[in-house]
């Protein structure tokens, strides 16, 4: 493990074989050592060295460098270098994971679905779920003055994504044991491999792919492929149109232009991405925002005025 030393880059001294992730999956969360290295080296330069097992990783410390990587010089950093194996683990074959020309082609196909105009078309779906959430919250407050807001916004986010991405009435706000909510909740708490194996897969994604390793649980793969297949078949058979992400992808699936056409695997993997990318991020941000509002009456009043 001499990669960073030979280049004269400041780095955290690694443990043998485990690099800088010693204890991860046993006593520590994956992001704890990252935070510690960042706090130790910030201000020392634009980046520092880090080891994920024996794989050298550059940890960006400078905001301007981060902007250059993500915007100005993005053409040199398109590949995220994370594990994906669409052949054996089909849900991993989505836009976030793919690389090179495969990523570029899929990005070209999907970019039109994320325009502001297309997003506005889905607003009515979000409003409907928001009204459901208000009704459920009123019912909860009649029973108790205490509300588990994290669980409530998790169910709200599940219903919004289920409606916008899959065209499903998940109904998890009114039924916490709804299938979509239960399976996706399990997806964030139950894993196929121990965390150290996951670290290996992401440190050496190409090797993991050659070994035909998989990340998703079998039940997750089966569930998503089933609901997408059933949704697509029902809509095509009954000529159902809806202002949602699924409808846009079905139109691309049936496009006469071969360059725009999506396969069922691509539709399923990217609908899955819509959930993964939107669930934890949105529900956590909502929960913390509501917590801070609950603690600050002036902020509540200001927000009500703005609304």
Protein backbone atom coordinates (compact mmCIF):
# COMPACT_ATOMS: atom_id res chain seq x y z
CA UNK A 1 0.00 0.00 0.00
CA UNK A 2 2.53 2.56 -1.19
CA UNK A 3 0.43 4.22 -3.90
CA UNK A 4 -0.07 7.57 -2.16
CA UNK A 5 3.33 7.66 -0.46
CA UNK A 6 5.15 7.28 -3.78
CA UNK A 7 3.19 10.22 -5.20
CA UNK A 8 3.81 12.46 -2.22
CA UNK A 9 0.08 12.80 -1.44
CA UNK A 10 -1.02 13.16 2.21
CA UNK A 11 -2.80 9.96 3.22
CA UNK A 12 -4.16 8.06 6.18
CA UNK A 13 -1.93 5.16 7.18
CA UNK A 14 -3.85 1.98 6.25
CA UNK A 15 -4.27 -1.25 8.20
CA UNK A 16 -2.93 -4.39 6.52
CA UNK A 17 -5.42 -5.62 3.87
CA UNK A 18 -8.32 -3.69 5.44
CA UNK A 19 -7.01 -0.27 4.43
CA UNK A 20 -8.89 2.54 6.15
CA UNK A 21 -12.15 0.67 6.72
CA UNK A 22 -11.08 -1.42 9.68
CA UNK A 23 -14.05 -2.11 11.94
CA UNK A 24 -16.65 -1.27 9.28
CA UNK A 25 -19.57 -3.68 9.48
CA UNK A 26 -18.67 -4.71 13.03
CA UNK A 27 -18.55 -1.61 15.22
CA UNK A 28 -18.50 1.24 12.72
CA UNK A 29 -20.61 2.61 9.89
CA UNK A 30 -18.99 2.81 6.47
CA UNK A 31 -18.97 6.63 6.51
CA UNK A 32 -17.32 7.06 9.93
CA UNK A 33 -13.72 6.52 8.74
CA UNK A 34 -14.41 8.73 5.71
CA UNK A 35 -15.53 11.57 7.97
CA UNK A 36 -12.52 11.10 10.26
CA UNK A 37 -10.04 11.24 7.35
CA UNK A 38 -11.81 14.29 5.93
CA UNK A 39 -11.67 16.14 9.25
CA UNK A 40 -8.00 15.23 9.69
CA UNK A 41 -6.81 16.37 6.26
CA UNK A 42 -9.18 19.19 5.26
CA UNK A 43 -7.23 22.33 4.47
CA UNK A 44 -4.05 20.37 3.72
CA UNK A 45 -4.65 20.32 -0.03
CA UNK A 46 -7.27 19.69 -2.71
CA UNK A 47 -7.45 15.97 -1.90
CA UNK A 48 -5.87 13.25 0.23
CA UNK A 49 -5.26 9.53 -0.07
CA UNK A 50 -7.49 6.82 1.35
CA UNK A 51 -7.62 3.04 1.01
CA UNK A 52 -10.74 0.95 0.56
CA UNK A 53 -9.23 -2.41 1.47
CA UNK A 54 -6.08 -2.31 -0.75
CA UNK A 55 -7.65 -0.07 -3.42
CA UNK A 56 -6.33 3.53 -3.38
CA UNK A 57 -9.07 6.18 -3.40
CA UNK A 58 -8.75 9.97 -3.70
CA UNK A 59 -10.85 11.77 -1.10
CA UNK A 60 -11.74 15.27 -2.36
CA UNK A 61 -11.27 18.00 0.26
CA UNK A 62 -11.68 21.17 -1.80
CA UNK A 63 -15.04 22.56 -2.97
CA UNK A 64 -13.62 24.03 -6.19
CA UNK A 65 -12.05 20.68 -7.11
CA UNK A 66 -15.37 18.95 -6.44
CA UNK A 67 -17.13 21.43 -8.76
CA UNK A 68 -14.55 20.84 -11.49
CA UNK A 69 -14.95 17.06 -11.21
CA UNK A 70 -18.74 17.23 -11.31
CA UNK A 71 -19.12 19.99 -13.93
CA UNK A 72 -16.17 21.45 -15.86
CA UNK A 73 -14.07 18.29 -16.17
CA UNK A 74 -16.92 15.80 -15.90
CA UNK A 75 -16.00 14.15 -19.21
CA UNK A 76 -12.94 12.70 -17.44
CA UNK A 77 -14.95 11.43 -14.46
CA UNK A 78 -18.07 9.91 -16.05
CA UNK A 79 -17.52 6.45 -14.58
CA UNK A 80 -18.36 6.20 -10.89
CA UNK A 81 -16.45 2.96 -10.51
CA UNK A 82 -19.17 1.25 -8.47
CA UNK A 83 -20.22 -2.37 -8.75
CA UNK A 84 -22.74 -3.34 -11.39
CA UNK A 85 -23.48 -6.66 -13.05
CA UNK A 86 -26.57 -6.35 -15.28
CA UNK A 87 -26.28 -9.94 -16.49
CA UNK A 88 -26.48 -11.64 -13.09
CA UNK A 89 -27.85 -8.75 -11.01
CA UNK A 90 -30.20 -6.96 -13.45
CA UNK A 91 -31.39 -4.22 -11.07
CA UNK A 92 -27.80 -2.95 -10.90
CA UNK A 93 -27.91 -2.03 -14.61
CA UNK A 94 -29.29 1.47 -14.09
CA UNK A 95 -28.09 4.95 -15.03
CA UNK A 96 -26.16 5.62 -11.82
CA UNK A 97 -23.99 2.50 -12.13
CA UNK A 98 -23.35 2.05 -15.85
CA UNK A 99 -20.20 3.24 -17.59
CA UNK A 100 -18.75 4.44 -20.91
CA UNK A 101 -20.89 4.17 -24.06
CA UNK A 102 -23.58 2.09 -22.33
CA UNK A 103 -24.07 4.92 -19.80
CA UNK A 104 -23.98 7.61 -22.50
CA UNK A 105 -26.58 5.86 -24.65
CA UNK A 106 -28.94 5.29 -21.72
CA UNK A 107 -28.46 8.86 -20.48
CA UNK A 108 -29.38 10.17 -23.94
CA UNK A 109 -32.56 8.08 -23.87
CA UNK A 110 -33.63 9.05 -20.35
CA UNK A 111 -32.65 12.74 -20.25
CA UNK A 112 -35.92 13.92 -21.90
CA UNK A 113 -37.92 12.33 -19.05
CA UNK A 114 -36.38 14.69 -16.48
CA UNK A 115 -37.22 18.04 -18.05
CA UNK A 116 -39.04 20.60 -15.88
CA UNK A 117 -42.12 20.21 -18.08
CA UNK A 118 -42.27 16.45 -17.52
CA UNK A 119 -41.76 16.90 -13.79
CA UNK A 120 -44.63 19.43 -13.64
CA UNK A 121 -46.94 16.85 -15.23
CA UNK A 122 -46.44 14.65 -12.17
CA UNK A 123 -47.29 17.38 -9.67
CA UNK A 124 -50.95 16.37 -9.45
CA UNK A 125 -49.84 12.88 -8.36
CA UNK A 126 -47.76 14.39 -5.54
CA UNK A 127 -50.68 16.60 -4.45
CA UNK A 128 -52.98 13.57 -4.20
CA UNK A 129 -50.55 11.72 -1.94
CA UNK A 130 -50.04 14.89 0.12
CA UNK A 131 -53.78 15.09 0.72
CA UNK A 132 -53.76 11.44 1.82
CA UNK A 133 -50.89 12.23 4.20
CA UNK A 134 -52.81 15.12 5.75
CA UNK A 135 -55.83 12.88 6.37
CA UNK A 136 -53.69 10.16 7.94
CA UNK A 137 -51.89 12.71 10.13
CA UNK A 138 -55.24 14.10 11.35
CA UNK A 139 -56.33 10.57 12.29
CA UNK A 140 -53.05 9.92 14.12
CA UNK A 141 -53.35 13.16 16.11
CA UNK A 142 -56.83 12.17 17.27
CA UNK A 143 -55.31 9.06 18.86
CA UNK A 144 -52.09 10.57 20.23
CA UNK A 145 -50.25 13.90 20.40
CA UNK A 146 -47.01 12.10 19.58
CA UNK A 147 -46.26 11.10 15.98
CA UNK A 148 -43.34 9.07 14.64
CA UNK A 149 -42.64 11.59 11.91
CA UNK A 150 -39.76 9.62 10.35
CA UNK A 151 -42.04 6.64 9.75
CA UNK A 152 -44.83 8.88 8.45
CA UNK A 153 -42.64 10.69 5.90
CA UNK A 154 -41.10 7.35 4.87
CA UNK A 155 -44.58 6.06 4.02
CA UNK A 156 -45.43 9.37 2.31
CA UNK A 157 -42.27 9.19 0.18
CA UNK A 158 -42.99 5.56 -0.67
CA UNK A 159 -46.46 6.47 -1.94
CA UNK A 160 -45.17 9.45 -3.96
CA UNK A 161 -42.47 7.40 -5.69
CA UNK A 162 -44.81 4.45 -6.17
CA UNK A 163 -47.29 6.73 -7.91
CA UNK A 164 -44.83 8.82 -9.97
CA UNK A 165 -42.39 6.06 -10.96
CA UNK A 166 -44.49 2.90 -11.06
CA UNK A 167 -48.03 4.17 -11.44
CA UNK A 168 -49.05 2.22 -8.34
CA UNK A 169 -51.42 3.11 -5.53
CA UNK A 170 -49.13 1.77 -2.81
CA UNK A 171 -51.43 2.94 0.00
CA UNK A 172 -48.66 2.60 2.59
CA UNK A 173 -49.83 5.79 4.35
CA UNK A 174 -53.07 4.09 5.31
CA UNK A 175 -51.59 0.59 5.53
CA UNK A 176 -48.05 0.46 7.01
CA UNK A 177 -47.92 -3.24 6.08
CA UNK A 178 -48.55 -2.62 2.38
CA UNK A 179 -46.40 -4.87 0.18
CA UNK A 180 -44.44 -2.06 -1.48
CA UNK A 181 -43.57 -0.47 1.88
CA UNK A 182 -42.63 -3.73 3.63
CA UNK A 183 -40.36 -5.01 0.86
CA UNK A 184 -38.58 -1.71 0.35
CA UNK A 185 -38.13 -1.21 4.08
CA UNK A 186 -36.49 -4.64 4.22
CA UNK A 187 -34.25 -3.69 1.28
CA UNK A 188 -32.59 -0.99 3.42
CA UNK A 189 -32.13 -3.23 6.46
CA UNK A 190 -31.47 -6.72 5.08
CA UNK A 191 -28.46 -7.30 2.84
CA UNK A 192 -27.21 -10.12 0.66
CA UNK A 193 -23.65 -9.93 2.00
CA UNK A 194 -21.81 -8.66 5.10
CA UNK A 195 -20.57 -5.07 4.79
CA UNK A 196 -16.96 -6.17 4.26
CA UNK A 197 -18.02 -8.19 1.20
CA UNK A 198 -19.93 -5.15 -0.10
CA UNK A 199 -16.77 -3.10 0.40
CA UNK A 200 -14.83 -5.66 -1.65
CA UNK A 201 -17.42 -5.52 -4.45
CA UNK A 202 -17.19 -1.73 -4.67
CA UNK A 203 -13.41 -1.61 -4.25
CA UNK A 204 -12.94 -4.18 -7.03
CA UNK A 205 -16.11 -3.95 -9.15
CA UNK A 206 -14.63 -5.54 -12.28
CA UNK A 207 -13.32 -8.54 -10.36
CA UNK A 208 -16.64 -8.89 -8.53
CA UNK A 209 -18.42 -8.85 -11.90
CA UNK A 210 -16.13 -11.59 -13.26
CA UNK A 211 -16.90 -13.63 -10.16
CA UNK A 212 -20.61 -13.14 -11.03
CA UNK A 213 -21.33 -11.63 -7.64
CA UNK A 214 -24.72 -10.07 -6.94
CA UNK A 215 -25.78 -7.28 -4.60
CA UNK A 216 -29.59 -7.36 -4.70
CA UNK A 217 -31.68 -9.87 -2.79
CA UNK A 218 -33.53 -12.37 -4.98
CA UNK A 219 -36.88 -11.25 -3.55
CA UNK A 220 -36.10 -7.63 -4.51
CA UNK A 221 -35.26 -8.60 -8.09
CA UNK A 222 -38.40 -10.72 -8.42
CA UNK A 223 -40.64 -8.05 -6.89
CA UNK A 224 -39.54 -5.19 -9.14
CA UNK A 225 -39.56 -7.22 -12.33
CA UNK A 226 -43.04 -8.51 -11.46
CA UNK A 227 -44.64 -5.15 -10.72
CA UNK A 228 -43.05 -3.48 -13.76
CA UNK A 229 -44.07 -6.33 -16.07
CA UNK A 230 -47.64 -6.34 -14.74
CA UNK A 231 -47.91 -2.54 -15.00
CA UNK A 232 -46.58 -2.43 -18.57
CA UNK A 233 -48.78 -5.33 -19.72
CA UNK A 234 -51.91 -3.81 -18.15
CA UNK A 235 -51.33 -0.37 -19.64
CA UNK A 236 -50.54 -1.67 -23.11
CA UNK A 237 -53.51 -4.05 -23.09
CA UNK A 238 -55.98 -1.40 -21.87
CA UNK A 239 -54.37 1.61 -23.57
CA UNK A 240 -53.90 3.37 -20.21
CA UNK A 241 -52.07 6.72 -20.27
CA UNK A 242 -50.84 8.48 -17.13
CA UNK A 243 -48.57 11.45 -16.45
CA UNK A 244 -45.81 9.49 -14.75
CA UNK A 245 -42.29 8.17 -15.25
CA UNK A 246 -43.53 4.70 -16.22
CA UNK A 247 -45.66 6.08 -19.05
CA UNK A 248 -42.64 7.91 -20.50
CA UNK A 249 -40.56 4.74 -20.42
CA UNK A 250 -43.33 2.68 -22.03
CA UNK A 251 -43.45 5.22 -24.86
CA UNK A 252 -39.69 4.80 -25.31
CA UNK A 253 -40.05 1.01 -25.21
CA UNK A 254 -42.47 1.22 -28.14
CA UNK A 255 -40.60 3.95 -30.02
CA UNK A 256 -40.07 3.48 -33.75
CA UNK A 257 -36.64 5.08 -33.34
CA UNK A 258 -34.27 2.31 -32.33
CA UNK A 259 -31.91 4.79 -30.65
CA UNK A 260 -34.70 5.83 -28.24
CA UNK A 261 -35.99 2.33 -27.48
CA UNK A 262 -35.78 0.87 -23.97
CA UNK A 263 -35.81 -2.82 -23.03
CA UNK A 264 -37.87 -4.20 -20.15
CA UNK A 265 -34.64 -4.72 -18.19
CA UNK A 266 -33.72 -1.06 -18.64
CA UNK A 267 -37.21 0.08 -17.65
CA UNK A 268 -37.17 -2.05 -14.49
CA UNK A 269 -33.64 -1.12 -13.42
CA UNK A 270 -34.24 2.61 -13.85
CA UNK A 271 -37.64 2.54 -12.17
CA UNK A 272 -35.82 0.84 -9.29
CA UNK A 273 -33.20 3.63 -9.37
CA UNK A 274 -36.02 6.20 -9.13
CA UNK A 275 -37.03 4.63 -5.83
CA UNK A 276 -33.53 4.10 -4.40
CA UNK A 277 -32.37 7.62 -5.28
CA UNK A 278 -35.55 9.30 -4.08
CA UNK A 279 -36.61 7.42 -0.97
CA UNK A 280 -33.95 7.78 1.73
CA UNK A 281 -32.82 11.21 0.52
CA UNK A 282 -36.30 12.75 0.48
CA UNK A 283 -37.70 11.09 3.60
CA UNK A 284 -34.64 11.92 5.72
CA UNK A 285 -34.56 15.56 4.55
CA UNK A 286 -38.29 15.90 5.28
CA UNK A 287 -37.96 14.34 8.73
CA UNK A 288 -35.11 16.64 9.77
CA UNK A 289 -36.81 19.71 8.27
CA UNK A 290 -40.00 18.98 10.22
CA UNK A 291 -37.98 18.38 13.39
CA UNK A 292 -36.25 21.76 13.07
CA UNK A 293 -39.58 23.47 12.33
CA UNK A 294 -41.11 21.85 15.41
CA UNK A 295 -38.32 23.37 17.53
CA UNK A 296 -38.52 26.84 16.00
CA UNK A 297 -41.87 28.66 16.11
CA UNK A 298 -40.51 31.69 14.20
CA UNK A 299 -39.41 29.46 11.33
CA UNK A 300 -42.89 27.88 11.29
CA UNK A 301 -44.55 31.29 11.07
CA UNK A 302 -42.19 32.40 8.29
CA UNK A 303 -42.85 29.21 6.33
CA UNK A 304 -46.63 29.59 6.65
CA UNK A 305 -46.34 33.18 5.39
CA UNK A 306 -44.26 32.09 2.39
CA UNK A 307 -46.72 29.32 1.53
